[in-house]
Amino acid sequence: MATMTLNAGSIGSQNPYKSTKSVVTARGRFVARLAVVASFVVIGVAGYSAVGSSEVSAPAATSYVEIVVTPGQTLWNIASQVSGGVDIPGMVDEIVSLNSLNSPEVAAGQHIYVPAK
C-alpha cells in the first residue's frame, strides 16, 4: 500500500483564484472618496431642511357662513358678492368644493356655506 503526504499550505497556494492581497486601484479610491463626499452632502441637505422647516407658518383659518339661496340667485352671483368681484371663478370652485356640490348649479332655498367676508 502506498502512502501519500499532503501539505495543507501547498493546496491553498495552488488555487489561482484565491488572493490574499487586496489592491485598491485609482478608480476604487475615486469611488470611495465620491461616496464619502456624497454622504456629507446628503447629511448637510437633511440638516438644512430640518432647520429651515421650523419657520413654516400655518395658513390662516377661514371662517364660513351659511346662506340660503334666494330665487334667481346663481352661484356666480354669490361668489361675486363674497369675493368682492376678484377671482370669481376661483371662488365658485371653492364654494363647490366646500359644499361637495356635483355642479355649480344651486336651487332656491338651498343652504350652502361660503367664506365669510
N, C-alpha and C. Protein backbone atom coordinates (compact mmCIF):
# COMPACT_ATOMS: atom_id res chain seq x y z
N MET A 1 0.83 -1.16 0.00
CA MET A 1 0.00 0.00 0.00
C MET A 1 0.89 1.23 0.00
N ALA A 2 0.48 2.25 -0.79
CA ALA A 2 1.30 3.46 -0.91
C ALA A 2 0.76 4.52 0.03
N THR A 3 1.64 5.31 0.55
CA THR A 3 1.28 6.39 1.48
C THR A 3 1.58 7.72 0.81
N MET A 4 0.63 8.65 0.95
CA MET A 4 0.81 9.97 0.33
C MET A 4 0.74 11.01 1.44
N THR A 5 1.63 11.96 1.42
CA THR A 5 1.64 13.03 2.41
C THR A 5 1.25 14.33 1.70
N LEU A 6 0.27 15.04 2.27
CA LEU A 6 -0.18 16.30 1.70
C LEU A 6 0.17 17.43 2.66
N ASN A 7 0.65 18.50 2.09
CA ASN A 7 0.97 19.68 2.88
C ASN A 7 -0.19 20.67 2.68
N ALA A 8 -0.84 21.10 3.76
CA ALA A 8 -2.01 21.97 3.66
C ALA A 8 -1.66 23.31 3.03
N GLY A 9 -0.47 23.78 3.24
CA GLY A 9 -0.07 25.06 2.65
C GLY A 9 0.06 24.98 1.14
N SER A 10 0.46 23.87 0.62
CA SER A 10 0.64 23.76 -0.82
C SER A 10 -0.69 23.66 -1.56
N ILE A 11 -1.75 23.17 -0.91
CA ILE A 11 -3.04 23.06 -1.57
C ILE A 11 -3.65 24.44 -1.78
N GLY A 12 -3.61 25.30 -0.77
CA GLY A 12 -4.17 26.64 -0.88
C GLY A 12 -3.39 27.50 -1.86
N SER A 13 -2.11 27.31 -1.97
CA SER A 13 -1.32 28.14 -2.86
C SER A 13 -1.49 27.75 -4.32
N GLN A 14 -2.06 26.59 -4.58
CA GLN A 14 -2.26 26.16 -5.95
C GLN A 14 -3.52 26.77 -6.56
N ASN A 15 -4.39 27.38 -5.77
CA ASN A 15 -5.63 27.96 -6.28
C ASN A 15 -5.32 29.35 -6.84
N PRO A 16 -5.39 29.54 -8.14
CA PRO A 16 -5.05 30.85 -8.72
C PRO A 16 -6.13 31.91 -8.49
N TYR A 17 -7.34 31.50 -8.06
CA TYR A 17 -8.43 32.45 -7.86
C TYR A 17 -8.48 33.01 -6.45
N LYS A 18 -7.73 32.43 -5.54
CA LYS A 18 -7.73 32.89 -4.17
C LYS A 18 -6.53 33.79 -3.96
N SER A 19 -6.83 35.05 -3.64
CA SER A 19 -5.77 36.03 -3.44
C SER A 19 -5.80 36.51 -2.01
N THR A 20 -4.68 36.61 -1.39
CA THR A 20 -4.61 37.08 -0.01
C THR A 20 -4.24 38.55 0.05
N LYS A 21 -3.95 39.15 -1.06
CA LYS A 21 -3.52 40.55 -1.10
C LYS A 21 -4.61 41.40 -1.75
N SER A 22 -5.04 42.49 -1.06
CA SER A 22 -6.04 43.39 -1.61
C SER A 22 -5.35 44.57 -2.27
N VAL A 23 -5.81 44.90 -3.44
CA VAL A 23 -5.24 46.03 -4.17
C VAL A 23 -6.38 46.99 -4.50
N VAL A 24 -6.21 48.26 -4.12
CA VAL A 24 -7.20 49.27 -4.44
C VAL A 24 -6.63 50.12 -5.57
N THR A 25 -7.37 50.14 -6.65
CA THR A 25 -6.92 50.90 -7.81
C THR A 25 -7.27 52.37 -7.66
N ALA A 26 -6.78 53.18 -8.57
CA ALA A 26 -7.09 54.61 -8.55
C ALA A 26 -8.59 54.83 -8.72
N ARG A 27 -9.21 54.03 -9.54
CA ARG A 27 -10.66 54.13 -9.74
C ARG A 27 -11.40 53.78 -8.45
N GLY A 28 -10.95 52.77 -7.74
CA GLY A 28 -11.56 52.38 -6.48
C GLY A 28 -11.44 53.48 -5.43
N ARG A 29 -10.28 54.13 -5.36
CA ARG A 29 -10.10 55.24 -4.42
C ARG A 29 -11.03 56.40 -4.78
N PHE A 30 -11.18 56.66 -6.07
CA PHE A 30 -12.07 57.73 -6.53
C PHE A 30 -13.51 57.44 -6.12
N VAL A 31 -13.96 56.21 -6.31
CA VAL A 31 -15.33 55.83 -5.97
C VAL A 31 -15.54 55.94 -4.46
N ALA A 32 -14.56 55.54 -3.67
CA ALA A 32 -14.68 55.62 -2.22
C ALA A 32 -14.77 57.08 -1.78
N ARG A 33 -13.93 57.95 -2.34
CA ARG A 33 -13.98 59.37 -1.99
C ARG A 33 -15.31 59.99 -2.41
N LEU A 34 -15.77 59.61 -3.58
CA LEU A 34 -17.05 60.12 -4.06
C LEU A 34 -18.19 59.71 -3.13
N ALA A 35 -18.17 58.50 -2.63
CA ALA A 35 -19.20 58.03 -1.70
C ALA A 35 -19.17 58.81 -0.40
N VAL A 36 -17.98 59.12 0.09
CA VAL A 36 -17.86 59.90 1.34
C VAL A 36 -18.39 61.31 1.13
N VAL A 37 -18.00 61.95 0.03
CA VAL A 37 -18.45 63.32 -0.25
C VAL A 37 -19.96 63.35 -0.43
N ALA A 38 -20.53 62.38 -1.16
CA ALA A 38 -21.97 62.33 -1.36
C ALA A 38 -22.70 62.15 -0.03
N SER A 39 -22.14 61.36 0.87
CA SER A 39 -22.75 61.17 2.19
C SER A 39 -22.80 62.48 2.96
N PHE A 40 -21.71 63.24 2.93
CA PHE A 40 -21.69 64.53 3.62
C PHE A 40 -22.69 65.51 3.01
N VAL A 41 -22.82 65.49 1.70
CA VAL A 41 -23.79 66.38 1.05
C VAL A 41 -25.21 66.01 1.48
N VAL A 42 -25.54 64.74 1.50
CA VAL A 42 -26.87 64.30 1.91
C VAL A 42 -27.15 64.70 3.36
N ILE A 43 -26.18 64.51 4.23
CA ILE A 43 -26.35 64.87 5.64
C ILE A 43 -26.53 66.38 5.77
N GLY A 44 -25.76 67.15 5.01
CA GLY A 44 -25.87 68.61 5.06
C GLY A 44 -27.22 69.10 4.59
N VAL A 45 -27.71 68.54 3.49
CA VAL A 45 -29.02 68.94 2.97
C VAL A 45 -30.13 68.55 3.95
N ALA A 46 -30.03 67.39 4.54
CA ALA A 46 -31.04 66.96 5.51
C ALA A 46 -31.03 67.88 6.73
N GLY A 47 -29.87 68.26 7.18
CA GLY A 47 -29.77 69.17 8.33
C GLY A 47 -30.33 70.53 8.00
N TYR A 48 -30.03 71.03 6.82
CA TYR A 48 -30.56 72.33 6.41
C TYR A 48 -32.07 72.29 6.28
N SER A 49 -32.61 71.20 5.76
CA SER A 49 -34.06 71.07 5.63
C SER A 49 -34.73 71.03 6.99
N ALA A 50 -34.12 70.36 7.94
CA ALA A 50 -34.71 70.26 9.28
C ALA A 50 -34.73 71.62 9.96
N VAL A 51 -33.70 72.42 9.78
CA VAL A 51 -33.64 73.75 10.39
C VAL A 51 -34.57 74.70 9.66
N GLY A 52 -34.60 74.64 8.34
CA GLY A 52 -35.41 75.55 7.54
C GLY A 52 -36.90 75.32 7.69
N SER A 53 -37.32 74.10 8.03
CA SER A 53 -38.74 73.81 8.10
C SER A 53 -39.39 74.33 9.36
N SER A 54 -38.62 74.80 10.33
CA SER A 54 -39.20 75.29 11.57
C SER A 54 -39.85 76.65 11.39
N GLU A 55 -39.60 77.32 10.28
CA GLU A 55 -40.16 78.64 10.06
C GLU A 55 -41.44 78.63 9.24
N VAL A 56 -41.99 77.46 8.98
CA VAL A 56 -43.21 77.34 8.19
C VAL A 56 -44.39 77.73 9.08
N SER A 57 -45.21 78.64 8.58
CA SER A 57 -46.36 79.07 9.37
C SER A 57 -47.62 78.37 8.89
N ALA A 58 -48.56 78.21 9.78
CA ALA A 58 -49.82 77.58 9.44
C ALA A 58 -50.69 78.58 8.67
N PRO A 59 -51.47 78.10 7.71
CA PRO A 59 -52.34 79.01 6.98
C PRO A 59 -53.39 79.61 7.92
N ALA A 60 -53.82 80.81 7.59
CA ALA A 60 -54.82 81.47 8.40
C ALA A 60 -56.15 80.71 8.32
N ALA A 61 -56.82 80.61 9.44
CA ALA A 61 -58.10 79.91 9.49
C ALA A 61 -59.16 80.75 8.79
N THR A 62 -59.96 80.12 7.96
CA THR A 62 -61.03 80.81 7.25
C THR A 62 -62.34 80.47 7.93
N SER A 63 -63.14 81.48 8.16
CA SER A 63 -64.45 81.22 8.74
C SER A 63 -65.49 81.20 7.63
N TYR A 64 -66.55 80.47 7.87
CA TYR A 64 -67.59 80.28 6.86
C TYR A 64 -68.94 80.67 7.45
N VAL A 65 -69.82 81.10 6.58
CA VAL A 65 -71.19 81.41 6.99
C VAL A 65 -72.14 80.62 6.10
N GLU A 66 -73.29 80.30 6.67
CA GLU A 66 -74.30 79.56 5.91
C GLU A 66 -75.29 80.57 5.34
N ILE A 67 -75.58 80.41 4.07
CA ILE A 67 -76.57 81.28 3.44
C ILE A 67 -77.65 80.42 2.80
N VAL A 68 -78.79 81.03 2.56
CA VAL A 68 -79.89 80.36 1.88
C VAL A 68 -80.02 81.01 0.51
N VAL A 69 -80.00 80.20 -0.53
CA VAL A 69 -80.09 80.70 -1.90
C VAL A 69 -81.50 81.23 -2.13
N THR A 70 -81.56 82.45 -2.66
CA THR A 70 -82.86 83.06 -2.96
C THR A 70 -83.24 82.78 -4.42
N PRO A 71 -84.51 82.92 -4.78
CA PRO A 71 -84.92 82.66 -6.17
C PRO A 71 -84.18 83.58 -7.14
N GLY A 72 -83.67 83.02 -8.23
CA GLY A 72 -82.96 83.77 -9.25
C GLY A 72 -81.47 83.97 -8.95
N GLN A 73 -81.04 83.55 -7.80
CA GLN A 73 -79.62 83.72 -7.43
C GLN A 73 -78.81 82.55 -7.97
N THR A 74 -77.63 82.87 -8.53
CA THR A 74 -76.75 81.82 -9.05
C THR A 74 -75.49 81.76 -8.20
N LEU A 75 -74.76 80.70 -8.38
CA LEU A 75 -73.51 80.55 -7.64
C LEU A 75 -72.52 81.63 -8.07
N TRP A 76 -72.58 82.05 -9.32
CA TRP A 76 -71.71 83.11 -9.81
C TRP A 76 -72.02 84.42 -9.07
N ASN A 77 -73.31 84.74 -8.88
CA ASN A 77 -73.69 85.95 -8.13
C ASN A 77 -73.17 85.89 -6.69
N ILE A 78 -73.35 84.75 -6.07
CA ILE A 78 -72.92 84.57 -4.69
C ILE A 78 -71.40 84.72 -4.58
N ALA A 79 -70.67 84.07 -5.50
CA ALA A 79 -69.21 84.15 -5.49
C ALA A 79 -68.74 85.58 -5.73
N SER A 80 -69.44 86.31 -6.59
CA SER A 80 -69.09 87.70 -6.87
C SER A 80 -69.25 88.56 -5.62
N GLN A 81 -70.32 88.34 -4.87
CA GLN A 81 -70.55 89.10 -3.64
C GLN A 81 -69.52 88.76 -2.56
N VAL A 82 -69.22 87.48 -2.43
CA VAL A 82 -68.30 87.03 -1.38
C VAL A 82 -66.87 87.47 -1.67
N SER A 83 -66.46 87.39 -2.94
CA SER A 83 -65.06 87.70 -3.27
C SER A 83 -64.82 89.17 -3.53
N GLY A 84 -65.88 89.95 -3.57
CA GLY A 84 -65.71 91.37 -3.87
C GLY A 84 -65.39 91.62 -5.33
N GLY A 85 -65.76 90.71 -6.20
CA GLY A 85 -65.52 90.86 -7.63
C GLY A 85 -64.15 90.42 -8.08
N VAL A 86 -63.34 89.87 -7.19
CA VAL A 86 -61.98 89.43 -7.53
C VAL A 86 -61.95 87.90 -7.58
N ASP A 87 -61.42 87.34 -8.65
CA ASP A 87 -61.27 85.89 -8.84
C ASP A 87 -62.59 85.15 -8.60
N ILE A 88 -63.59 85.52 -9.33
CA ILE A 88 -64.91 84.90 -9.19
C ILE A 88 -64.88 83.41 -9.55
N PRO A 89 -64.21 83.00 -10.65
CA PRO A 89 -64.17 81.56 -10.95
C PRO A 89 -63.50 80.75 -9.84
N GLY A 90 -62.47 81.30 -9.23
CA GLY A 90 -61.81 80.60 -8.12
C GLY A 90 -62.73 80.46 -6.92
N MET A 91 -63.52 81.49 -6.66
CA MET A 91 -64.46 81.44 -5.54
C MET A 91 -65.58 80.45 -5.83
N VAL A 92 -66.05 80.39 -7.08
CA VAL A 92 -67.07 79.40 -7.45
C VAL A 92 -66.53 78.00 -7.19
N ASP A 93 -65.30 77.73 -7.61
CA ASP A 93 -64.69 76.41 -7.39
C ASP A 93 -64.58 76.11 -5.90
N GLU A 94 -64.21 77.12 -5.11
CA GLU A 94 -64.07 76.91 -3.66
C GLU A 94 -65.42 76.58 -3.02
N ILE A 95 -66.48 77.30 -3.42
CA ILE A 95 -67.81 77.05 -2.86
C ILE A 95 -68.32 75.66 -3.27
N VAL A 96 -68.09 75.29 -4.52
CA VAL A 96 -68.49 73.95 -5.00
C VAL A 96 -67.77 72.87 -4.19
N SER A 97 -66.47 73.05 -3.99
CA SER A 97 -65.68 72.07 -3.23
C SER A 97 -66.10 72.04 -1.76
N LEU A 98 -66.30 73.20 -1.17
CA LEU A 98 -66.67 73.29 0.24
C LEU A 98 -67.99 72.60 0.53
N ASN A 99 -68.94 72.73 -0.37
CA ASN A 99 -70.27 72.16 -0.17
C ASN A 99 -70.46 70.80 -0.82
N SER A 100 -69.39 70.25 -1.42
CA SER A 100 -69.44 68.94 -2.10
C SER A 100 -70.56 68.90 -3.14
N LEU A 101 -70.65 69.96 -3.92
CA LEU A 101 -71.67 70.02 -4.97
C LEU A 101 -71.18 69.26 -6.21
N ASN A 102 -72.11 68.66 -6.92
CA ASN A 102 -71.76 67.95 -8.15
C ASN A 102 -71.55 68.90 -9.32
N SER A 103 -72.19 70.06 -9.25
CA SER A 103 -72.07 71.07 -10.31
C SER A 103 -72.26 72.44 -9.67
N PRO A 104 -71.98 73.50 -10.42
CA PRO A 104 -72.18 74.83 -9.85
C PRO A 104 -73.64 75.30 -9.88
N GLU A 105 -74.56 74.39 -10.04
CA GLU A 105 -75.98 74.72 -10.06
C GLU A 105 -76.51 74.71 -8.62
N VAL A 106 -77.26 75.77 -8.26
CA VAL A 106 -77.90 75.84 -6.95
C VAL A 106 -79.39 76.12 -7.16
N ALA A 107 -80.19 75.75 -6.17
CA ALA A 107 -81.64 75.94 -6.26
C ALA A 107 -82.09 76.87 -5.14
N ALA A 108 -83.17 77.57 -5.38
CA ALA A 108 -83.73 78.46 -4.36
C ALA A 108 -84.07 77.66 -3.11
N GLY A 109 -83.71 78.20 -1.96
CA GLY A 109 -83.98 77.53 -0.69
C GLY A 109 -82.84 76.62 -0.24
N GLN A 110 -81.87 76.40 -1.08
CA GLN A 110 -80.74 75.52 -0.75
C GLN A 110 -79.82 76.23 0.25
N HIS A 111 -79.34 75.51 1.25
CA HIS A 111 -78.42 76.04 2.26
C HIS A 111 -76.98 75.69 1.82
N ILE A 112 -76.12 76.70 1.69
CA ILE A 112 -74.72 76.46 1.33
C ILE A 112 -73.83 77.30 2.23
N TYR A 113 -72.59 76.83 2.36
CA TYR A 113 -71.58 77.56 3.13
C TYR A 113 -70.69 78.32 2.18
N VAL A 114 -70.37 79.58 2.57
CA VAL A 114 -69.46 80.41 1.77
C VAL A 114 -68.45 81.03 2.74
N PRO A 115 -67.26 81.38 2.25
CA PRO A 115 -66.29 82.04 3.12
C PRO A 115 -66.84 83.38 3.61
N ALA A 116 -66.59 83.68 4.88
CA ALA A 116 -67.07 84.94 5.45
C ALA A 116 -66.30 86.11 4.85
N LYS A 117 -66.94 87.23 4.69
CA LYS A 117 -66.28 88.44 4.12
C LYS A 117 -65.32 89.03 5.11
